[in-house]
Amino acid sequence: MTQHKLLRAKEVAEMTGLSISTFYAQIRRGAFPKPLKTSANTVAWRYSDIVGWIDSLEEAAR
């Protein structure tokens, strides 16, 4: 069930250790998962996408 959880920007920042402005800059460069639009003024990220991004960093470091 956790893999289907949606995260808001603050939760993504806490999970990744990145500031919100940093991961938005990475989104613009195509280096971070794009959010899903959940309503007119709200976006969220899939938990599984963020975990996959973190895993890809670990793989790149090997």
PDB file of N, CA and C in Angstrom:
ATOM      1  N   MET A   1       0.815  -1.192   0.000  1.00  0.00           N
ATOM      2  CA  MET A   1       0.000   0.000   0.000  1.00  0.00           C
ATOM      3  C   MET A   1       0.862   1.261   0.000  1.00  0.00           C
ATOM      4  N   THR A   2       2.007   1.238   0.679  1.00  0.00           N
ATOM      5  CA  THR A   2       2.878   2.409   0.758  1.00  0.00           C
ATOM      6  C   THR A   2       3.345   2.847  -0.614  1.00  0.00           C
ATOM      7  N   GLN A   3       3.581   1.897  -1.527  1.00  0.00           N
ATOM      8  CA  GLN A   3       4.079   2.251  -2.857  1.00  0.00           C
ATOM      9  C   GLN A   3       3.108   3.130  -3.627  1.00  0.00           C
ATOM     10  N   HIS A   4       1.825   3.129  -3.264  1.00  0.00           N
ATOM     11  CA  HIS A   4       0.819   3.934  -3.945  1.00  0.00           C
ATOM     12  C   HIS A   4       0.566   5.263  -3.245  1.00  0.00           C
ATOM     13  N   LYS A   5       1.262   5.501  -2.151  1.00  0.00           N
ATOM     14  CA  LYS A   5       1.080   6.736  -1.392  1.00  0.00           C
ATOM     15  C   LYS A   5       1.554   7.933  -2.207  1.00  0.00           C
ATOM     16  N   LEU A   6       0.850   9.047  -2.073  1.00  0.00           N
ATOM     17  CA  LEU A   6       1.254  10.290  -2.719  1.00  0.00           C
ATOM     18  C   LEU A   6       1.866  11.210  -1.671  1.00  0.00           C
ATOM     19  N   LEU A   7       2.950  11.868  -2.058  1.00  0.00           N
ATOM     20  CA  LEU A   7       3.683  12.746  -1.153  1.00  0.00           C
ATOM     21  C   LEU A   7       3.575  14.191  -1.606  1.00  0.00           C
ATOM     22  N   ARG A   8       3.435  15.090  -0.673  1.00  0.00           N
ATOM     23  CA  ARG A   8       3.454  16.523  -0.961  1.00  0.00           C
ATOM     24  C   ARG A   8       4.915  16.990  -0.944  1.00  0.00           C
ATOM     25  N   ALA A   9       5.155  18.196  -1.406  1.00  0.00           N
ATOM     26  CA  ALA A   9       6.516  18.717  -1.574  1.00  0.00           C
ATOM     27  C   ALA A   9       7.324  18.658  -0.275  1.00  0.00           C
ATOM     28  N   LYS A  10       6.723  19.019   0.833  1.00  0.00           N
ATOM     29  CA  LYS A  10       7.447  18.999   2.113  1.00  0.00           C
ATOM     30  C   LYS A  10       7.914  17.589   2.455  1.00  0.00           C
ATOM     31  N   GLU A  11       7.066  16.597   2.213  1.00  0.00           N
ATOM     32  CA  GLU A  11       7.434  15.207   2.493  1.00  0.00           C
ATOM     33  C   GLU A  11       8.561  14.748   1.566  1.00  0.00           C
ATOM     34  N   VAL A  12       8.505  15.168   0.296  1.00  0.00           N
ATOM     35  CA  VAL A  12       9.565  14.818  -0.653  1.00  0.00           C
ATOM     36  C   VAL A  12      10.887  15.440  -0.199  1.00  0.00           C
ATOM     37  N   ALA A  13      10.840  16.687   0.235  1.00  0.00           N
ATOM     38  CA  ALA A  13      12.044  17.358   0.718  1.00  0.00           C
ATOM     39  C   ALA A  13      12.628  16.623   1.925  1.00  0.00           C
ATOM     40  N   GLU A  14      11.781  16.228   2.853  1.00  0.00           N
ATOM     41  CA  GLU A  14      12.245  15.494   4.036  1.00  0.00           C
ATOM     42  C   GLU A  14      12.837  14.145   3.648  1.00  0.00           C
ATOM     43  N   MET A  15      12.206  13.479   2.705  1.00  0.00           N
ATOM     44  CA  MET A  15      12.640  12.142   2.300  1.00  0.00           C
ATOM     45  C   MET A  15      13.964  12.165   1.540  1.00  0.00           C
ATOM     46  N   THR A  16      14.172  13.208   0.723  1.00  0.00           N
ATOM     47  CA  THR A  16      15.362  13.273  -0.129  1.00  0.00           C
ATOM     48  C   THR A  16      16.500  14.081   0.468  1.00  0.00           C
ATOM     49  N   GLY A  17      16.189  14.953   1.410  1.00  0.00           N
ATOM     50  CA  GLY A  17      17.210  15.848   1.949  1.00  0.00           C
ATOM     51  C   GLY A  17      17.463  17.054   1.053  1.00  0.00           C
ATOM     52  N   LEU A  18      16.663  17.209   0.002  1.00  0.00           N
ATOM     53  CA  LEU A  18      16.784  18.349  -0.902  1.00  0.00           C
ATOM     54  C   LEU A  18      15.788  19.427  -0.499  1.00  0.00           C
ATOM     55  N   SER A  19      16.139  20.676  -0.780  1.00  0.00           N
ATOM     56  CA  SER A  19      15.155  21.733  -0.572  1.00  0.00           C
ATOM     57  C   SER A  19      14.119  21.643  -1.691  1.00  0.00           C
ATOM     58  N   ILE A  20      12.973  22.226  -1.448  1.00  0.00           N
ATOM     59  CA  ILE A  20      11.909  22.213  -2.451  1.00  0.00           C
ATOM     60  C   ILE A  20      12.380  22.912  -3.724  1.00  0.00           C
ATOM     61  N   SER A  21      13.060  24.038  -3.585  1.00  0.00           N
ATOM     62  CA  SER A  21      13.527  24.756  -4.776  1.00  0.00           C
ATOM     63  C   SER A  21      14.554  23.934  -5.553  1.00  0.00           C
ATOM     64  N   THR A  22      15.370  23.148  -4.870  1.00  0.00           N
ATOM     65  CA  THR A  22      16.363  22.315  -5.549  1.00  0.00           C
ATOM     66  C   THR A  22      15.699  21.210  -6.352  1.00  0.00           C
ATOM     67  N   PHE A  23      14.718  20.514  -5.779  1.00  0.00           N
ATOM     68  CA  PHE A  23      14.131  19.441  -6.587  1.00  0.00           C
ATOM     69  C   PHE A  23      13.253  19.980  -7.702  1.00  0.00           C
ATOM     70  N   TYR A  24      12.666  21.160  -7.544  1.00  0.00           N
ATOM     71  CA  TYR A  24      11.948  21.762  -8.681  1.00  0.00           C
ATOM     72  C   TYR A  24      12.922  22.138  -9.802  1.00  0.00           C
ATOM     73  N   ALA A  25      14.112  22.612  -9.446  1.00  0.00           N
ATOM     74  CA  ALA A  25      15.137  22.911 -10.462  1.00  0.00           C
ATOM     75  C   ALA A  25      15.548  21.626 -11.176  1.00  0.00           C
ATOM     76  N   GLN A  26      15.670  20.527 -10.420  1.00  0.00           N
ATOM     77  CA  GLN A  26      16.021  19.249 -11.030  1.00  0.00           C
ATOM     78  C   GLN A  26      14.898  18.732 -11.932  1.00  0.00           C
ATOM     79  N   ILE A  27      13.658  18.998 -11.589  1.00  0.00           N
ATOM     80  CA  ILE A  27      12.528  18.617 -12.454  1.00  0.00           C
ATOM     81  C   ILE A  27      12.666  19.338 -13.795  1.00  0.00           C
ATOM     82  N   ARG A  28      12.972  20.640 -13.747  1.00  0.00           N
ATOM     83  CA  ARG A  28      13.123  21.406 -14.993  1.00  0.00           C
ATOM     84  C   ARG A  28      14.251  20.853 -15.862  1.00  0.00           C
ATOM     85  N   ARG A  29      15.287  20.288 -15.241  1.00  0.00           N
ATOM     86  CA  ARG A  29      16.401  19.698 -15.988  1.00  0.00           C
ATOM     87  C   ARG A  29      16.131  18.250 -16.389  1.00  0.00           C
ATOM     88  N   GLY A  30      15.021  17.704 -15.922  1.00  0.00           N
ATOM     89  CA  GLY A  30      14.694  16.315 -16.247  1.00  0.00           C
ATOM     90  C   GLY A  30      15.412  15.305 -15.374  1.00  0.00           C
ATOM     91  N   ALA A  31      15.916  15.748 -14.221  1.00  0.00           N
ATOM     92  CA  ALA A  31      16.708  14.878 -13.352  1.00  0.00           C
ATOM     93  C   ALA A  31      15.965  14.425 -12.098  1.00  0.00           C
ATOM     94  N   PHE A  32      14.675  14.706 -12.023  1.00  0.00           N
ATOM     95  CA  PHE A  32      13.886  14.348 -10.840  1.00  0.00           C
ATOM     96  C   PHE A  32      12.484  13.997 -11.321  1.00  0.00           C
ATOM     97  N   PRO A  33      11.812  13.072 -10.641  1.00  0.00           N
ATOM     98  CA  PRO A  33      10.454  12.685 -11.067  1.00  0.00           C
ATOM     99  C   PRO A  33       9.491  13.874 -11.090  1.00  0.00           C
ATOM    100  N   LYS A  34       8.672  13.923 -12.124  1.00  0.00           N
ATOM    101  CA  LYS A  34       7.663  14.973 -12.231  1.00  0.00           C
ATOM    102  C   LYS A  34       6.494  14.661 -11.299  1.00  0.00           C
ATOM    103  N   PRO A  35       5.873  15.696 -10.756  1.00  0.00           N
ATOM    104  CA  PRO A  35       4.714  15.466  -9.890  1.00  0.00           C
ATOM    105  C   PRO A  35       3.455  15.186 -10.700  1.00  0.00           C
ATOM    106  N   LEU A  36       2.466  14.662 -10.015  1.00  0.00           N
ATOM    107  CA  LEU A  36       1.134  14.461 -10.578  1.00  0.00           C
ATOM    108  C   LEU A  36       0.254  15.616 -10.133  1.00  0.00           C
ATOM    109  N   LYS A  37      -0.558  16.125 -11.003  1.00  0.00           N
ATOM    110  CA  LYS A  37      -1.505  17.174 -10.637  1.00  0.00           C
ATOM    111  C   LYS A  37      -2.710  16.492  -9.998  1.00  0.00           C
ATOM    112  N   THR A  38      -2.933  16.759  -8.728  1.00  0.00           N
ATOM    113  CA  THR A  38      -4.018  16.090  -8.009  1.00  0.00           C
ATOM    114  C   THR A  38      -5.268  16.951  -7.893  1.00  0.00           C
ATOM    115  N   SER A  39      -5.118  18.252  -8.100  1.00  0.00           N
ATOM    116  CA  SER A  39      -6.261  19.171  -8.166  1.00  0.00           C
ATOM    117  C   SER A  39      -5.776  20.434  -8.868  1.00  0.00           C
ATOM    118  N   ALA A  40      -6.632  21.426  -8.953  1.00  0.00           N
ATOM    119  CA  ALA A  40      -6.291  22.651  -9.683  1.00  0.00           C
ATOM    120  C   ALA A  40      -5.023  23.319  -9.151  1.00  0.00           C
ATOM    121  N   ASN A  41      -4.805  23.278  -7.849  1.00  0.00           N
ATOM    122  CA  ASN A  41      -3.667  23.974  -7.242  1.00  0.00           C
ATOM    123  C   ASN A  41      -2.729  23.068  -6.457  1.00  0.00           C
ATOM    124  N   THR A  42      -2.809  21.777  -6.683  1.00  0.00           N
ATOM    125  CA  THR A  42      -2.046  20.837  -5.868  1.00  0.00           C
ATOM    126  C   THR A  42      -1.334  19.805  -6.730  1.00  0.00           C
ATOM    127  N   VAL A  43      -0.101  19.519  -6.353  1.00  0.00           N
ATOM    128  CA  VAL A  43       0.638  18.428  -6.986  1.00  0.00           C
ATOM    129  C   VAL A  43       1.161  17.499  -5.901  1.00  0.00           C
ATOM    130  N   ALA A  44       1.479  16.276  -6.305  1.00  0.00           N
ATOM    131  CA  ALA A  44       2.029  15.290  -5.387  1.00  0.00           C
ATOM    132  C   ALA A  44       2.903  14.329  -6.194  1.00  0.00           C
ATOM    133  N   TRP A  45       3.790  13.654  -5.495  1.00  0.00           N
ATOM    134  CA  TRP A  45       4.691  12.687  -6.126  1.00  0.00           C
ATOM    135  C   TRP A  45       4.348  11.304  -5.612  1.00  0.00           C
ATOM    136  N   ARG A  46       4.479  10.317  -6.496  1.00  0.00           N
ATOM    137  CA  ARG A  46       4.312   8.921  -6.073  1.00  0.00           C
ATOM    138  C   ARG A  46       5.497   8.552  -5.177  1.00  0.00           C
ATOM    139  N   TYR A  47       5.189   7.914  -4.065  1.00  0.00           N
ATOM    140  CA  TYR A  47       6.221   7.423  -3.155  1.00  0.00           C
ATOM    141  C   TYR A  47       7.198   6.535  -3.909  1.00  0.00           C
ATOM    142  N   SER A  48       6.675   5.658  -4.755  1.00  0.00           N
ATOM    143  CA  SER A  48       7.528   4.718  -5.489  1.00  0.00           C
ATOM    144  C   SER A  48       8.473   5.438  -6.452  1.00  0.00           C
ATOM    145  N   ASP A  49       8.053   6.560  -7.031  1.00  0.00           N
ATOM    146  CA  ASP A  49       8.934   7.332  -7.913  1.00  0.00           C
ATOM    147  C   ASP A  49      10.097   7.935  -7.139  1.00  0.00           C
ATOM    148  N   ILE A  50       9.821   8.414  -5.933  1.00  0.00           N
ATOM    149  CA  ILE A  50      10.883   9.021  -5.118  1.00  0.00           C
ATOM    150  C   ILE A  50      11.851   7.946  -4.633  1.00  0.00           C
ATOM    151  N   VAL A  51      11.326   6.811  -4.216  1.00  0.00           N
ATOM    152  CA  VAL A  51      12.205   5.708  -3.804  1.00  0.00           C
ATOM    153  C   VAL A  51      13.066   5.257  -4.983  1.00  0.00           C
ATOM    154  N   GLY A  52      12.483   5.174  -6.174  1.00  0.00           N
ATOM    155  CA  GLY A  52      13.246   4.801  -7.367  1.00  0.00           C
ATOM    156  C   GLY A  52      14.337   5.799  -7.675  1.00  0.00           C
ATOM    157  N   TRP A  53      14.063   7.092  -7.500  1.00  0.00           N
ATOM    158  CA  TRP A  53      15.069   8.125  -7.723  1.00  0.00           C
ATOM    159  C   TRP A  53      16.221   7.960  -6.727  1.00  0.00           C
ATOM    160  N   ILE A  54      15.891   7.725  -5.454  1.00  0.00           N
ATOM    161  CA  ILE A  54      16.928   7.509  -4.436  1.00  0.00           C
ATOM    162  C   ILE A  54      17.745   6.268  -4.772  1.00  0.00           C
ATOM    163  N   ASP A  55      17.077   5.191  -5.172  1.00  0.00           N
ATOM    164  CA  ASP A  55      17.777   3.962  -5.558  1.00  0.00           C
ATOM    165  C   ASP A  55      18.715   4.200  -6.731  1.00  0.00           C
ATOM    166  N   SER A  56      18.301   5.041  -7.687  1.00  0.00           N
ATOM    167  CA  SER A  56      19.158   5.317  -8.838  1.00  0.00           C
ATOM    168  C   SER A  56      20.418   6.062  -8.410  1.00  0.00           C
ATOM    169  N   LEU A  57      20.344   6.895  -7.385  1.00  0.00           N
ATOM    170  CA  LEU A  57      21.534   7.560  -6.872  1.00  0.00           C
ATOM    171  C   LEU A  57      22.497   6.555  -6.258  1.00  0.00           C
ATOM    172  N   GLU A  58      21.927   5.599  -5.548  1.00  0.00           N
ATOM    173  CA  GLU A  58      22.750   4.565  -4.919  1.00  0.00           C
ATOM    174  C   GLU A  58      23.444   3.722  -5.992  1.00  0.00           C
ATOM    175  N   GLU A  59      22.737   3.398  -7.059  1.00  0.00           N
ATOM    176  CA  GLU A  59      23.315   2.614  -8.157  1.00  0.00           C
ATOM    177  C   GLU A  59      24.441   3.390  -8.838  1.00  0.00           C
ATOM    178  N   ALA A  60      24.233   4.677  -9.053  1.00  0.00           N
ATOM    179  CA  ALA A  60      25.230   5.514  -9.712  1.00  0.00           C
ATOM    180  C   ALA A  60      26.493   5.656  -8.883  1.00  0.00           C
ATOM    181  N   ALA A  61      26.344   5.547  -7.565  1.00  0.00           N
ATOM    182  CA  ALA A  61      27.492   5.697  -6.668  1.00  0.00           C
ATOM    183  C   ALA A  61      28.351   4.444  -6.609  1.00  0.00           C
ATOM    184  N   ARG A  62      27.847   3.343  -7.121  1.00  0.00           N
ATOM    185  CA  ARG A  62      28.611   2.072  -7.064  1.00  0.00           C
ATOM    186  C   ARG A  62      29.636   1.988  -8.155  1.00  0.00           C
TER     187      ARG A  62
END
